[in-house]
Amino acid sequence: MSQQKGFGFGLGKMKELADAFKKAQQVQEGAKRLQEELEVMEIEGQSDDGLVKVVLNGNQEPQRVEIAPEAVAQGAEALSAIVTSAMKNAYNKSTATMRERMEELTSGLDLPGMGM
């Protein structure tokens, strides 16, 4: 007479499954806290010459732009290039910050597919 282990799950597999659910819950709670932090975080980018500063929140939503009078004096075309440069800088800093925070959130959890 053979013994069956119900659906092919031994006690070890049940523990692995429970651990996986626990890890998923930890990530979910951490993600919620991270989302709240990102909403209030301010990330500043600036043009190479420092004449324009762009501030985004952690969700990459624009918060404000600061333009030095010297930038305005350079004319519309130059000002556009300076603002674009500052926006790119802020965006790059924002994505790097988000990536770092996600790595912190998932580090040590050994989740499949999350190796960044």
N, C-alpha and C. Protein backbone atom coordinates (compact mmCIF):
# COMPACT_ATOMS: atom_id res chain seq x y z
N MET A 1 0.84 -1.17 0.00
CA MET A 1 0.00 0.00 0.00
C MET A 1 0.88 1.24 0.00
N SER A 2 0.68 2.13 -0.95
CA SER A 2 1.53 3.32 -1.05
C SER A 2 0.91 4.48 -0.28
N GLN A 3 1.81 5.30 0.29
CA GLN A 3 1.33 6.48 1.01
C GLN A 3 1.29 7.67 0.07
N GLN A 4 0.21 8.41 0.09
CA GLN A 4 0.11 9.61 -0.73
C GLN A 4 0.31 10.83 0.15
N LYS A 5 0.90 11.86 -0.43
CA LYS A 5 1.18 13.07 0.35
C LYS A 5 0.26 14.21 -0.07
N GLY A 6 -0.91 13.95 -0.48
CA GLY A 6 -1.90 14.96 -0.82
C GLY A 6 -1.36 16.04 -1.75
N PHE A 7 -1.71 16.03 -2.96
CA PHE A 7 -1.36 17.01 -3.99
C PHE A 7 0.16 17.11 -4.22
N GLY A 8 0.92 16.14 -3.75
CA GLY A 8 2.36 16.14 -3.97
C GLY A 8 3.11 17.13 -3.10
N PHE A 9 2.47 17.70 -2.09
CA PHE A 9 3.12 18.64 -1.19
C PHE A 9 3.52 17.93 0.09
N GLY A 10 4.81 17.93 0.38
CA GLY A 10 5.27 17.44 1.67
C GLY A 10 5.30 18.62 2.63
N LEU A 11 5.64 18.39 3.86
CA LEU A 11 5.70 19.47 4.85
C LEU A 11 6.73 20.52 4.46
N GLY A 12 7.83 20.08 3.88
CA GLY A 12 8.86 21.02 3.44
C GLY A 12 8.33 21.99 2.40
N LYS A 13 7.56 21.46 1.47
CA LYS A 13 6.99 22.31 0.42
C LYS A 13 5.98 23.30 0.99
N MET A 14 5.23 22.87 1.97
CA MET A 14 4.25 23.77 2.60
C MET A 14 4.98 24.92 3.31
N LYS A 15 6.10 24.60 3.94
CA LYS A 15 6.87 25.64 4.62
C LYS A 15 7.44 26.62 3.59
N GLU A 16 7.93 26.10 2.47
CA GLU A 16 8.45 26.97 1.41
C GLU A 16 7.34 27.89 0.90
N LEU A 17 6.17 27.33 0.73
CA LEU A 17 5.03 28.11 0.24
C LEU A 17 4.65 29.20 1.25
N ALA A 18 4.62 28.84 2.52
CA ALA A 18 4.30 29.81 3.58
C ALA A 18 5.37 30.91 3.63
N ASP A 19 6.63 30.51 3.48
CA ASP A 19 7.72 31.51 3.48
C ASP A 19 7.59 32.45 2.28
N ALA A 20 7.21 31.89 1.13
CA ALA A 20 7.04 32.73 -0.06
C ALA A 20 5.92 33.75 0.14
N PHE A 21 4.82 33.32 0.75
CA PHE A 21 3.72 34.25 1.04
C PHE A 21 4.16 35.33 2.02
N LYS A 22 4.94 34.93 3.01
CA LYS A 22 5.44 35.88 4.01
C LYS A 22 6.34 36.92 3.34
N LYS A 23 7.23 36.46 2.46
CA LYS A 23 8.12 37.38 1.74
C LYS A 23 7.32 38.33 0.86
N ALA A 24 6.31 37.80 0.19
CA ALA A 24 5.48 38.64 -0.67
C ALA A 24 4.77 39.71 0.15
N GLN A 25 4.31 39.35 1.33
CA GLN A 25 3.64 40.32 2.20
C GLN A 25 4.63 41.39 2.65
N GLN A 26 5.87 41.00 2.97
CA GLN A 26 6.89 41.96 3.37
C GLN A 26 7.18 42.95 2.24
N VAL A 27 7.28 42.43 1.03
CA VAL A 27 7.53 43.30 -0.13
C VAL A 27 6.36 44.25 -0.33
N GLN A 28 5.14 43.75 -0.20
CA GLN A 28 3.95 44.58 -0.38
C GLN A 28 3.93 45.71 0.65
N GLU A 29 4.22 45.39 1.90
CA GLU A 29 4.24 46.41 2.94
C GLU A 29 5.35 47.42 2.70
N GLY A 30 6.52 46.92 2.30
CA GLY A 30 7.64 47.81 1.99
C GLY A 30 7.34 48.70 0.80
N ALA A 31 6.68 48.15 -0.21
CA ALA A 31 6.33 48.93 -1.40
C ALA A 31 5.36 50.05 -1.04
N LYS A 32 4.44 49.78 -0.13
CA LYS A 32 3.49 50.82 0.29
C LYS A 32 4.22 51.95 1.01
N ARG A 33 5.15 51.58 1.90
CA ARG A 33 5.95 52.61 2.60
C ARG A 33 6.80 53.39 1.61
N LEU A 34 7.40 52.68 0.66
CA LEU A 34 8.23 53.34 -0.35
C LEU A 34 7.40 54.32 -1.17
N GLN A 35 6.21 53.93 -1.57
CA GLN A 35 5.33 54.80 -2.34
C GLN A 35 5.04 56.09 -1.57
N GLU A 36 4.77 55.96 -0.28
CA GLU A 36 4.51 57.14 0.55
C GLU A 36 5.74 58.03 0.63
N GLU A 37 6.93 57.44 0.74
CA GLU A 37 8.16 58.21 0.78
C GLU A 37 8.40 58.93 -0.54
N LEU A 38 8.16 58.24 -1.65
CA LEU A 38 8.40 58.82 -2.96
C LEU A 38 7.51 60.03 -3.21
N GLU A 39 6.30 60.01 -2.68
CA GLU A 39 5.38 61.12 -2.90
C GLU A 39 5.88 62.42 -2.27
N VAL A 40 6.61 62.33 -1.17
CA VAL A 40 7.08 63.54 -0.48
C VAL A 40 8.55 63.84 -0.75
N MET A 41 9.26 62.92 -1.35
CA MET A 41 10.67 63.10 -1.66
C MET A 41 10.85 64.18 -2.73
N GLU A 42 11.91 64.97 -2.60
CA GLU A 42 12.24 65.95 -3.64
C GLU A 42 13.60 65.63 -4.21
N ILE A 43 13.66 65.53 -5.53
CA ILE A 43 14.89 65.23 -6.24
C ILE A 43 15.18 66.40 -7.17
N GLU A 44 16.34 67.00 -6.99
CA GLU A 44 16.69 68.19 -7.77
C GLU A 44 17.68 67.84 -8.87
N GLY A 45 17.37 68.31 -10.05
CA GLY A 45 18.29 68.21 -11.17
C GLY A 45 18.61 69.61 -11.63
N GLN A 46 19.77 69.76 -12.23
CA GLN A 46 20.11 71.09 -12.74
C GLN A 46 20.86 70.98 -14.05
N SER A 47 20.86 72.08 -14.77
CA SER A 47 21.59 72.15 -16.03
C SER A 47 23.08 72.16 -15.71
N ASP A 48 23.89 71.87 -16.72
CA ASP A 48 25.34 71.83 -16.53
C ASP A 48 25.89 73.14 -15.98
N ASP A 49 25.30 74.25 -16.40
CA ASP A 49 25.79 75.56 -15.94
C ASP A 49 25.14 76.01 -14.63
N GLY A 50 24.18 75.23 -14.14
CA GLY A 50 23.53 75.54 -12.87
C GLY A 50 22.52 76.67 -12.93
N LEU A 51 22.18 77.13 -14.14
CA LEU A 51 21.26 78.25 -14.27
C LEU A 51 19.80 77.85 -14.15
N VAL A 52 19.50 76.57 -14.33
CA VAL A 52 18.13 76.08 -14.21
C VAL A 52 18.13 74.85 -13.30
N LYS A 53 17.18 74.86 -12.36
CA LYS A 53 16.98 73.72 -11.48
C LYS A 53 15.55 73.22 -11.65
N VAL A 54 15.41 71.91 -11.71
CA VAL A 54 14.10 71.27 -11.82
C VAL A 54 13.97 70.33 -10.63
N VAL A 55 12.83 70.42 -9.94
CA VAL A 55 12.58 69.55 -8.79
C VAL A 55 11.41 68.63 -9.11
N LEU A 56 11.67 67.33 -8.96
CA LEU A 56 10.64 66.30 -9.14
C LEU A 56 10.41 65.63 -7.80
N ASN A 57 9.23 65.05 -7.61
CA ASN A 57 9.08 64.19 -6.45
C ASN A 57 9.59 62.81 -6.84
N GLY A 58 9.57 61.87 -5.92
CA GLY A 58 10.08 60.54 -6.19
C GLY A 58 9.29 59.77 -7.21
N ASN A 59 8.10 60.23 -7.53
CA ASN A 59 7.27 59.62 -8.57
C ASN A 59 7.47 60.29 -9.91
N GLN A 60 8.51 61.12 -10.01
CA GLN A 60 8.89 61.84 -11.22
C GLN A 60 7.86 62.87 -11.66
N GLU A 61 7.07 63.36 -10.71
CA GLU A 61 6.12 64.42 -11.00
C GLU A 61 6.80 65.76 -10.76
N PRO A 62 6.73 66.69 -11.74
CA PRO A 62 7.37 68.00 -11.58
C PRO A 62 6.77 68.75 -10.38
N GLN A 63 7.65 69.35 -9.60
CA GLN A 63 7.22 70.13 -8.44
C GLN A 63 7.46 71.63 -8.67
N ARG A 64 8.63 71.95 -9.22
CA ARG A 64 8.91 73.36 -9.52
C ARG A 64 10.16 73.46 -10.40
N VAL A 65 10.28 74.63 -11.01
CA VAL A 65 11.43 74.97 -11.85
C VAL A 65 11.95 76.32 -11.39
N GLU A 66 13.27 76.41 -11.22
CA GLU A 66 13.89 77.67 -10.85
C GLU A 66 14.82 78.08 -12.00
N ILE A 67 14.60 79.30 -12.51
CA ILE A 67 15.37 79.78 -13.66
C ILE A 67 16.09 81.06 -13.27
N ALA A 68 17.40 81.05 -13.42
CA ALA A 68 18.20 82.23 -13.11
C ALA A 68 18.00 83.29 -14.20
N PRO A 69 18.03 84.56 -13.84
CA PRO A 69 17.87 85.64 -14.83
C PRO A 69 18.89 85.52 -15.97
N GLU A 70 20.08 85.04 -15.67
CA GLU A 70 21.10 84.90 -16.72
C GLU A 70 20.67 83.91 -17.79
N ALA A 71 19.90 82.91 -17.42
CA ALA A 71 19.41 81.93 -18.39
C ALA A 71 18.39 82.57 -19.32
N VAL A 72 17.53 83.41 -18.77
CA VAL A 72 16.51 84.09 -19.57
C VAL A 72 17.17 85.03 -20.57
N ALA A 73 18.24 85.68 -20.13
CA ALA A 73 18.95 86.65 -20.98
C ALA A 73 19.59 85.98 -22.20
N GLN A 74 19.76 84.68 -22.17
CA GLN A 74 20.38 83.98 -23.30
C GLN A 74 19.42 83.75 -24.46
N GLY A 75 18.13 84.03 -24.26
CA GLY A 75 17.16 83.87 -25.34
C GLY A 75 16.39 82.57 -25.23
N ALA A 76 15.29 82.52 -25.97
CA ALA A 76 14.36 81.40 -25.88
C ALA A 76 14.98 80.06 -26.27
N GLU A 77 15.73 80.03 -27.36
CA GLU A 77 16.30 78.77 -27.83
C GLU A 77 17.31 78.20 -26.82
N ALA A 78 18.18 79.05 -26.33
CA ALA A 78 19.17 78.60 -25.34
C ALA A 78 18.48 78.20 -24.04
N LEU A 79 17.47 78.97 -23.63
CA LEU A 79 16.75 78.65 -22.41
C LEU A 79 16.07 77.29 -22.52
N SER A 80 15.51 77.01 -23.66
CA SER A 80 14.86 75.72 -23.88
C SER A 80 15.87 74.59 -23.71
N ALA A 81 17.05 74.73 -24.26
CA ALA A 81 18.09 73.70 -24.14
C ALA A 81 18.53 73.54 -22.69
N ILE A 82 18.64 74.66 -21.96
CA ILE A 82 19.08 74.61 -20.56
C ILE A 82 18.02 73.92 -19.70
N VAL A 83 16.75 74.25 -19.93
CA VAL A 83 15.66 73.62 -19.16
C VAL A 83 15.61 72.12 -19.47
N THR A 84 15.76 71.75 -20.72
CA THR A 84 15.76 70.33 -21.10
C THR A 84 16.89 69.59 -20.42
N SER A 85 18.06 70.19 -20.36
CA SER A 85 19.20 69.59 -19.69
C SER A 85 18.90 69.36 -18.20
N ALA A 86 18.31 70.34 -17.55
CA ALA A 86 17.97 70.21 -16.13
C ALA A 86 16.91 69.13 -15.92
N MET A 87 15.94 69.05 -16.82
CA MET A 87 14.89 68.03 -16.71
C MET A 87 15.49 66.63 -16.85
N LYS A 88 16.39 66.45 -17.81
CA LYS A 88 17.03 65.14 -17.99
C LYS A 88 17.83 64.76 -16.75
N ASN A 89 18.54 65.72 -16.18
CA ASN A 89 19.33 65.46 -14.98
C ASN A 89 18.44 65.03 -13.82
N ALA A 90 17.33 65.73 -13.63
CA ALA A 90 16.39 65.38 -12.55
C ALA A 90 15.79 64.00 -12.79
N TYR A 91 15.42 63.71 -14.03
CA TYR A 91 14.84 62.41 -14.36
C TYR A 91 15.84 61.29 -14.08
N ASN A 92 17.09 61.46 -14.51
CA ASN A 92 18.10 60.43 -14.28
C ASN A 92 18.33 60.19 -12.80
N LYS A 93 18.39 61.26 -12.01
CA LYS A 93 18.55 61.12 -10.57
C LYS A 93 17.34 60.41 -9.96
N SER A 94 16.16 60.74 -10.45
CA SER A 94 14.93 60.15 -9.93
C SER A 94 14.87 58.66 -10.21
N THR A 95 15.18 58.25 -11.43
CA THR A 95 15.14 56.82 -11.76
C THR A 95 16.21 56.05 -10.99
N ALA A 96 17.39 56.64 -10.81
CA ALA A 96 18.45 55.99 -10.04
C ALA A 96 18.02 55.83 -8.58
N THR A 97 17.38 56.85 -8.03
CA THR A 97 16.91 56.79 -6.65
C THR A 97 15.85 55.70 -6.50
N MET A 98 14.92 55.65 -7.43
CA MET A 98 13.86 54.65 -7.37
C MET A 98 14.44 53.24 -7.48
N ARG A 99 15.40 53.06 -8.37
CA ARG A 99 16.03 51.75 -8.55
C ARG A 99 16.75 51.34 -7.26
N GLU A 100 17.50 52.26 -6.66
CA GLU A 100 18.21 51.97 -5.41
C GLU A 100 17.23 51.57 -4.31
N ARG A 101 16.14 52.31 -4.19
CA ARG A 101 15.18 52.02 -3.13
C ARG A 101 14.50 50.68 -3.35
N MET A 102 14.22 50.33 -4.61
CA MET A 102 13.62 49.02 -4.89
C MET A 102 14.60 47.90 -4.57
N GLU A 103 15.89 48.11 -4.86
CA GLU A 103 16.90 47.11 -4.54
C GLU A 103 16.98 46.92 -3.03
N GLU A 104 16.91 48.03 -2.27
CA GLU A 104 16.91 47.94 -0.82
C GLU A 104 15.71 47.13 -0.33
N LEU A 105 14.56 47.39 -0.95
CA LEU A 105 13.32 46.73 -0.56
C LEU A 105 13.38 45.23 -0.78
N THR A 106 13.97 44.83 -1.89
CA THR A 106 13.95 43.41 -2.25
C THR A 106 15.23 42.67 -1.88
N SER A 107 16.24 43.37 -1.36
CA SER A 107 17.50 42.70 -1.03
C SER A 107 17.28 41.67 0.09
N GLY A 108 17.93 40.55 -0.09
CA GLY A 108 17.84 39.51 0.92
C GLY A 108 16.58 38.68 0.88
N LEU A 109 15.67 39.01 0.00
CA LEU A 109 14.41 38.24 -0.06
C LEU A 109 14.50 37.06 -0.98
N ASP A 110 15.52 37.03 -1.85
CA ASP A 110 15.72 35.90 -2.77
C ASP A 110 14.46 35.61 -3.56
N LEU A 111 13.91 36.66 -4.18
CA LEU A 111 12.69 36.49 -4.98
C LEU A 111 13.07 36.20 -6.42
N PRO A 112 12.46 35.20 -7.03
CA PRO A 112 12.78 34.88 -8.43
C PRO A 112 12.40 36.05 -9.33
N GLY A 113 13.28 36.35 -10.28
CA GLY A 113 12.98 37.41 -11.25
C GLY A 113 13.23 38.79 -10.73
N MET A 114 13.74 38.95 -9.49
CA MET A 114 13.94 40.29 -8.95
C MET A 114 15.41 40.65 -8.88
N GLY A 115 16.28 39.85 -9.47
CA GLY A 115 17.70 40.18 -9.46
C GLY A 115 17.97 41.34 -10.38
N MET A 116 18.14 42.51 -9.82
CA MET A 116 18.31 43.72 -10.63
C MET A 116 19.74 43.98 -10.95
